[in-house]
Amino acid sequence: MSVLEFVQVLVSIILALGIAELLRGWADFLRAESTRPSALLFALGCWLVLQHIQFWWIGWRFRDVTTWVFPELLLYVTGPILLFLAARLLFPQVVEGVDLGAYYARHGPKVWSLVALFFVVAILVNTLLLDAPLFSSGPMTQAGLILVSLVARRTTGPWIHTTAIALLILQLSWRTTLDVVGAG
C-alpha cells in the first residue's frame, strides 16, 4: 500500500460519512409528509455533496508525496472533517414537520462558518502541502470564498445566500474544469 492510499483511506471514510449525512437528510425530506422545503438548504446541500467528491478527487495531487508527518496528515484531514460537520448540521435530526427555511435561518450561520474554515484549511493545504504560491489563483479564489462565506454567515437576505451558493458552485465548476483539462 502506498502512502497516498494509506492517507486516502482515512479521508475517504470521513468524506463518505459526510455524503451519507446529506443523503440521509434528502431521504428524510422525501419521506416526510408535512415538511416545508428550502431551496437554499437544498442548493447548499448540492454544493456540499459536490465538494465532498471534489476533495476526494483532488487527493490524486498528493501522488508524488512519499512521506507524511502527523501534522501534515492532521491538516489534510481537517478539510473533510469540516465538510462532514457542515453536512451534519445542514439538515435537522428529525425532518418531519419542520420548516426547513426557518431551520436554515437558525443553523445556516454555523454551516457558513464551517465553509469559511474549510477554505482557510484549503489555502493552508495548497500552500503548505502542495507548495502553491500564496498569491496564485487557487489560494486567492479561496480567500474570496472565505469572504463570501463570512458575508453569508452574517446576513439573512435570501439573495445574498443565493449569490453565495452560486459563487461556490461556480468556483467548484471552474476548478473541476481545470482539473479535466489538466490545468489544475
C-alpha atoms as a PDB file:
ATOM      1  CA  MET A   1       0.000   0.000   0.000  1.00  0.00           C
ATOM      2  CA  SER A   2       1.385   3.410  -0.974  1.00  0.00           C
ATOM      3  CA  VAL A   3       1.466   6.376   1.378  1.00  0.00           C
ATOM      4  CA  LEU A   4      -1.253   8.069  -0.684  1.00  0.00           C
ATOM      5  CA  GLU A   5      -3.516   5.009  -0.442  1.00  0.00           C
ATOM      6  CA  PHE A   6      -2.949   4.865   3.305  1.00  0.00           C
ATOM      7  CA  VAL A   7      -3.867   8.541   3.778  1.00  0.00           C
ATOM      8  CA  GLN A   8      -6.780   8.414   1.333  1.00  0.00           C
ATOM      9  CA  VAL A   9      -8.428   5.565   3.254  1.00  0.00           C
ATOM     10  CA  LEU A  10      -8.926   7.865   6.250  1.00  0.00           C
ATOM     11  CA  VAL A  11     -10.000  10.795   4.063  1.00  0.00           C
ATOM     12  CA  SER A  12     -12.435   8.573   2.135  1.00  0.00           C
ATOM     13  CA  ILE A  13     -14.085   7.334   5.335  1.00  0.00           C
ATOM     14  CA  ILE A  14     -14.670  10.882   6.585  1.00  0.00           C
ATOM     15  CA  LEU A  15     -15.948  12.048   3.190  1.00  0.00           C
ATOM     16  CA  ALA A  16     -18.264   9.029   2.912  1.00  0.00           C
ATOM     17  CA  LEU A  17     -19.759   9.860   6.307  1.00  0.00           C
ATOM     18  CA  GLY A  18     -20.471  13.415   5.140  1.00  0.00           C
ATOM     19  CA  ILE A  19     -22.089  12.271   1.909  1.00  0.00           C
ATOM     20  CA  ALA A  20     -24.177   9.763   3.883  1.00  0.00           C
ATOM     21  CA  GLU A  21     -25.400  12.588   6.155  1.00  0.00           C
ATOM     22  CA  LEU A  22     -26.522  14.642   3.168  1.00  0.00           C
ATOM     23  CA  LEU A  23     -28.235  11.683   1.515  1.00  0.00           C
ATOM     24  CA  ARG A  24     -29.969  10.875   4.819  1.00  0.00           C
ATOM     25  CA  GLY A  25     -31.284  14.440   5.023  1.00  0.00           C
ATOM     26  CA  TRP A  26     -32.648  14.326   1.484  1.00  0.00           C
ATOM     27  CA  ALA A  27     -34.187  10.877   2.012  1.00  0.00           C
ATOM     28  CA  ASP A  28     -35.822  12.017   5.266  1.00  0.00           C
ATOM     29  CA  PHE A  29     -37.245  15.021   3.431  1.00  0.00           C
ATOM     30  CA  LEU A  30     -38.653  12.811   0.664  1.00  0.00           C
ATOM     31  CA  ARG A  31     -40.196  10.517   3.268  1.00  0.00           C
ATOM     32  CA  ALA A  32     -41.717  13.380   5.276  1.00  0.00           C
ATOM     33  CA  GLU A  33     -45.306  14.359   4.667  1.00  0.00           C
ATOM     34  CA  SER A  34     -45.520  17.802   6.259  1.00  0.00           C
ATOM     35  CA  THR A  35     -42.113  19.401   5.799  1.00  0.00           C
ATOM     36  CA  ARG A  36     -41.686  22.808   4.176  1.00  0.00           C
ATOM     37  CA  PRO A  37     -38.754  22.770   1.715  1.00  0.00           C
ATOM     38  CA  SER A  38     -35.936  25.298   1.436  1.00  0.00           C
ATOM     39  CA  ALA A  39     -34.281  25.921  -1.918  1.00  0.00           C
ATOM     40  CA  LEU A  40     -31.253  27.467  -0.183  1.00  0.00           C
ATOM     41  CA  LEU A  41     -30.763  24.445   2.053  1.00  0.00           C
ATOM     42  CA  PHE A  42     -31.012  22.046  -0.875  1.00  0.00           C
ATOM     43  CA  ALA A  43     -28.682  24.137  -3.069  1.00  0.00           C
ATOM     44  CA  LEU A  44     -26.079  24.317  -0.310  1.00  0.00           C
ATOM     45  CA  GLY A  45     -26.516  20.557   0.149  1.00  0.00           C
ATOM     46  CA  CYS A  46     -25.808  20.014  -3.561  1.00  0.00           C
ATOM     47  CA  TRP A  47     -22.629  22.069  -3.267  1.00  0.00           C
ATOM     48  CA  LEU A  48     -21.583  20.107  -0.181  1.00  0.00           C
ATOM     49  CA  VAL A  49     -22.007  16.755  -1.973  1.00  0.00           C
ATOM     50  CA  LEU A  50     -20.023  18.000  -4.947  1.00  0.00           C
ATOM     51  CA  GLN A  51     -17.343  19.475  -2.665  1.00  0.00           C
ATOM     52  CA  HIS A  52     -17.008  16.150  -0.825  1.00  0.00           C
ATOM     53  CA  ILE A  53     -16.453  14.397  -4.149  1.00  0.00           C
ATOM     54  CA  GLN A  54     -14.088  17.127  -5.388  1.00  0.00           C
ATOM     55  CA  PHE A  55     -11.986  16.835  -2.220  1.00  0.00           C
ATOM     56  CA  TRP A  56     -11.667  13.101  -2.774  1.00  0.00           C
ATOM     57  CA  TRP A  57     -10.770  13.730  -6.426  1.00  0.00           C
ATOM     58  CA  ILE A  58      -8.003  16.226  -5.650  1.00  0.00           C
ATOM     59  CA  GLY A  59      -6.347  13.647  -3.409  1.00  0.00           C
ATOM     60  CA  TRP A  60      -4.585  12.488  -6.549  1.00  0.00           C
ATOM     61  CA  ARG A  61      -2.481  15.654  -6.403  1.00  0.00           C
ATOM     62  CA  PHE A  62      -0.655  14.061  -3.478  1.00  0.00           C
ATOM     63  CA  ARG A  63       0.528  11.072  -5.545  1.00  0.00           C
ATOM     64  CA  ASP A  64       4.118  12.320  -5.527  1.00  0.00           C
ATOM     65  CA  VAL A  65       4.250  12.838  -1.764  1.00  0.00           C
ATOM     66  CA  THR A  66       6.311   9.938  -0.447  1.00  0.00           C
ATOM     67  CA  THR A  67       6.419  10.827   3.238  1.00  0.00           C
ATOM     68  CA  TRP A  68       3.857  12.334   5.570  1.00  0.00           C
ATOM     69  CA  VAL A  69       4.353  13.649   9.057  1.00  0.00           C
ATOM     70  CA  PHE A  70       1.495  13.644  11.529  1.00  0.00           C
ATOM     71  CA  PRO A  71       0.866  17.442  11.471  1.00  0.00           C
ATOM     72  CA  GLU A  72       0.525  17.310   7.675  1.00  0.00           C
ATOM     73  CA  LEU A  73      -1.972  14.472   7.973  1.00  0.00           C
ATOM     74  CA  LEU A  74      -3.962  16.407  10.578  1.00  0.00           C
ATOM     75  CA  LEU A  75      -4.062  19.475   8.357  1.00  0.00           C
ATOM     76  CA  TYR A  76      -5.148  17.413   5.349  1.00  0.00           C
ATOM     77  CA  VAL A  77      -7.965  15.584   7.158  1.00  0.00           C
ATOM     78  CA  THR A  78      -9.258  18.814   8.709  1.00  0.00           C
ATOM     79  CA  GLY A  79     -10.890  19.717   5.365  1.00  0.00           C
ATOM     80  CA  PRO A  80     -13.028  16.556   5.212  1.00  0.00           C
ATOM     81  CA  ILE A  81     -13.849  16.895   8.919  1.00  0.00           C
ATOM     82  CA  LEU A  82     -15.175  20.422   8.349  1.00  0.00           C
ATOM     83  CA  LEU A  83     -17.185  19.238   5.334  1.00  0.00           C
ATOM     84  CA  PHE A  84     -18.642  16.416   7.438  1.00  0.00           C
ATOM     85  CA  LEU A  85     -19.632  18.829  10.214  1.00  0.00           C
ATOM     86  CA  ALA A  86     -21.314  21.152   7.698  1.00  0.00           C
ATOM     87  CA  ALA A  87     -23.179  18.183   6.218  1.00  0.00           C
ATOM     88  CA  ARG A  88     -24.236  17.028   9.688  1.00  0.00           C
ATOM     89  CA  LEU A  89     -25.638  20.463  10.571  1.00  0.00           C
ATOM     90  CA  LEU A  90     -27.361  21.135   7.244  1.00  0.00           C
ATOM     91  CA  PHE A  91     -30.447  19.009   7.963  1.00  0.00           C
ATOM     92  CA  PRO A  92     -32.299  18.683  11.269  1.00  0.00           C
ATOM     93  CA  GLN A  93     -32.232  15.343  13.061  1.00  0.00           C
ATOM     94  CA  VAL A  94     -35.968  14.984  12.506  1.00  0.00           C
ATOM     95  CA  VAL A  95     -37.226  16.449   9.232  1.00  0.00           C
ATOM     96  CA  GLU A  96     -40.922  15.592   9.608  1.00  0.00           C
ATOM     97  CA  GLY A  97     -42.996  18.723  10.162  1.00  0.00           C
ATOM     98  CA  VAL A  98     -40.018  21.108  10.072  1.00  0.00           C
ATOM     99  CA  ASP A  99     -39.921  24.352   8.129  1.00  0.00           C
ATOM    100  CA  LEU A 100     -36.521  23.845   6.504  1.00  0.00           C
ATOM    101  CA  GLY A 101     -36.300  27.552   5.601  1.00  0.00           C
ATOM    102  CA  ALA A 102     -36.610  28.508   9.275  1.00  0.00           C
ATOM    103  CA  TYR A 103     -34.157  25.746  10.208  1.00  0.00           C
ATOM    104  CA  TYR A 104     -31.682  27.086   7.641  1.00  0.00           C
ATOM    105  CA  ALA A 105     -32.109  30.612   9.028  1.00  0.00           C
ATOM    106  CA  ARG A 106     -31.214  29.357  12.528  1.00  0.00           C
ATOM    107  CA  HIS A 107     -28.402  26.944  11.631  1.00  0.00           C
ATOM    108  CA  GLY A 108     -27.110  28.417   8.372  1.00  0.00           C
ATOM    109  CA  PRO A 109     -24.600  30.709  10.132  1.00  0.00           C
ATOM    110  CA  LYS A 110     -22.921  27.663  11.710  1.00  0.00           C
ATOM    111  CA  VAL A 111     -22.734  25.924   8.337  1.00  0.00           C
ATOM    112  CA  TRP A 112     -21.326  29.048   6.677  1.00  0.00           C
ATOM    113  CA  SER A 113     -18.704  29.347   9.433  1.00  0.00           C
ATOM    114  CA  LEU A 114     -17.612  25.783   8.693  1.00  0.00           C
ATOM    115  CA  VAL A 115     -17.488  26.553   4.960  1.00  0.00           C
ATOM    116  CA  ALA A 116     -15.269  29.583   5.669  1.00  0.00           C
ATOM    117  CA  LEU A 117     -12.981  27.449   7.850  1.00  0.00           C
ATOM    118  CA  PHE A 118     -12.875  24.815   5.100  1.00  0.00           C
ATOM    119  CA  PHE A 119     -11.473  27.401   2.690  1.00  0.00           C
ATOM    120  CA  VAL A 120      -8.932  28.572   5.285  1.00  0.00           C
ATOM    121  CA  VAL A 121      -7.744  24.966   5.554  1.00  0.00           C
ATOM    122  CA  ALA A 122      -7.760  24.643   1.747  1.00  0.00           C
ATOM    123  CA  ILE A 123      -5.399  27.603   1.488  1.00  0.00           C
ATOM    124  CA  LEU A 124      -3.111  26.042   4.101  1.00  0.00           C
ATOM    125  CA  VAL A 125      -3.153  22.661   2.347  1.00  0.00           C
ATOM    126  CA  ASN A 126      -2.416  24.245  -1.029  1.00  0.00           C
ATOM    127  CA  THR A 127       0.408  26.437   0.227  1.00  0.00           C
ATOM    128  CA  LEU A 128       1.985  24.200   2.871  1.00  0.00           C
ATOM    129  CA  LEU A 129       1.480  20.709   1.454  1.00  0.00           C
ATOM    130  CA  LEU A 130       1.294  21.325  -2.295  1.00  0.00           C
ATOM    131  CA  ASP A 131       3.712  24.289  -2.375  1.00  0.00           C
ATOM    132  CA  ALA A 132       1.283  26.522  -4.268  1.00  0.00           C
ATOM    133  CA  PRO A 133       2.278  30.194  -4.117  1.00  0.00           C
ATOM    134  CA  LEU A 134       0.045  32.069  -1.672  1.00  0.00           C
ATOM    135  CA  PHE A 135      -0.838  34.681  -4.278  1.00  0.00           C
ATOM    136  CA  SER A 136      -1.700  32.201  -7.041  1.00  0.00           C
ATOM    137  CA  SER A 137      -5.215  31.788  -8.407  1.00  0.00           C
ATOM    138  CA  GLY A 138      -6.233  28.854  -6.171  1.00  0.00           C
ATOM    139  CA  PRO A 139      -5.493  30.391  -2.758  1.00  0.00           C
ATOM    140  CA  MET A 140      -6.687  33.830  -3.876  1.00  0.00           C
ATOM    141  CA  THR A 141     -10.013  32.408  -5.088  1.00  0.00           C
ATOM    142  CA  GLN A 142     -10.346  30.514  -1.812  1.00  0.00           C
ATOM    143  CA  ALA A 143      -9.661  33.736   0.100  1.00  0.00           C
ATOM    144  CA  GLY A 144     -12.510  35.346  -1.832  1.00  0.00           C
ATOM    145  CA  LEU A 145     -14.777  32.445  -0.893  1.00  0.00           C
ATOM    146  CA  ILE A 146     -13.854  32.903   2.766  1.00  0.00           C
ATOM    147  CA  LEU A 147     -15.146  36.458   2.474  1.00  0.00           C
ATOM    148  CA  VAL A 148     -18.292  35.298   0.650  1.00  0.00           C
ATOM    149  CA  SER A 149     -18.923  32.665   3.355  1.00  0.00           C
ATOM    150  CA  LEU A 150     -18.466  35.186   6.154  1.00  0.00           C
ATOM    151  CA  VAL A 151     -20.879  37.615   4.477  1.00  0.00           C
ATOM    152  CA  ALA A 152     -23.444  34.800   4.142  1.00  0.00           C
ATOM    153  CA  ARG A 153     -22.874  33.912   7.790  1.00  0.00           C
ATOM    154  CA  ARG A 154     -23.640  37.457   8.935  1.00  0.00           C
ATOM    155  CA  THR A 155     -26.650  38.221   6.730  1.00  0.00           C
ATOM    156  CA  THR A 156     -30.152  36.848   6.340  1.00  0.00           C
ATOM    157  CA  GLY A 157     -31.054  38.107   2.876  1.00  0.00           C
ATOM    158  CA  PRO A 158     -32.036  35.220   0.597  1.00  0.00           C
ATOM    159  CA  TRP A 159     -30.487  36.908  -2.454  1.00  0.00           C
ATOM    160  CA  ILE A 160     -27.128  37.124  -0.663  1.00  0.00           C
ATOM    161  CA  HIS A 161     -27.303  33.421   0.199  1.00  0.00           C
ATOM    162  CA  THR A 162     -28.387  32.565  -3.337  1.00  0.00           C
ATOM    163  CA  THR A 163     -25.443  34.553  -4.707  1.00  0.00           C
ATOM    164  CA  ALA A 164     -23.021  32.962  -2.226  1.00  0.00           C
ATOM    165  CA  ILE A 165     -24.138  29.442  -3.138  1.00  0.00           C
ATOM    166  CA  ALA A 166     -23.952  30.296  -6.847  1.00  0.00           C
ATOM    167  CA  LEU A 167     -20.373  31.526  -6.361  1.00  0.00           C
ATOM    168  CA  LEU A 168     -19.444  28.321  -4.520  1.00  0.00           C
ATOM    169  CA  ILE A 169     -20.885  26.211  -7.337  1.00  0.00           C
ATOM    170  CA  LEU A 170     -19.223  28.395  -9.981  1.00  0.00           C
ATOM    171  CA  GLN A 171     -15.814  28.043  -8.287  1.00  0.00           C
ATOM    172  CA  LEU A 172     -16.262  24.284  -7.948  1.00  0.00           C
ATOM    173  CA  SER A 173     -17.259  24.021 -11.628  1.00  0.00           C
ATOM    174  CA  TRP A 174     -14.257  26.108 -12.671  1.00  0.00           C
ATOM    175  CA  ARG A 175     -11.894  24.040 -10.500  1.00  0.00           C
ATOM    176  CA  THR A 176     -13.300  20.818 -11.923  1.00  0.00           C
ATOM    177  CA  THR A 177     -12.964  22.131 -15.483  1.00  0.00           C
ATOM    178  CA  LEU A 178      -9.320  22.998 -14.842  1.00  0.00           C
ATOM    179  CA  ASP A 179      -8.710  19.504 -13.488  1.00  0.00           C
ATOM    180  CA  VAL A 180     -10.344  17.911 -16.534  1.00  0.00           C
ATOM    181  CA  VAL A 181      -8.226  19.892 -18.992  1.00  0.00           C
ATOM    182  CA  GLY A 182      -5.104  19.285 -16.924  1.00  0.00           C
ATOM    183  CA  ALA A 183      -4.522  22.917 -15.979  1.00  0.00           C
ATOM    184  CA  GLY A 184      -5.317  22.441 -12.272  1.00  0.00           C
END
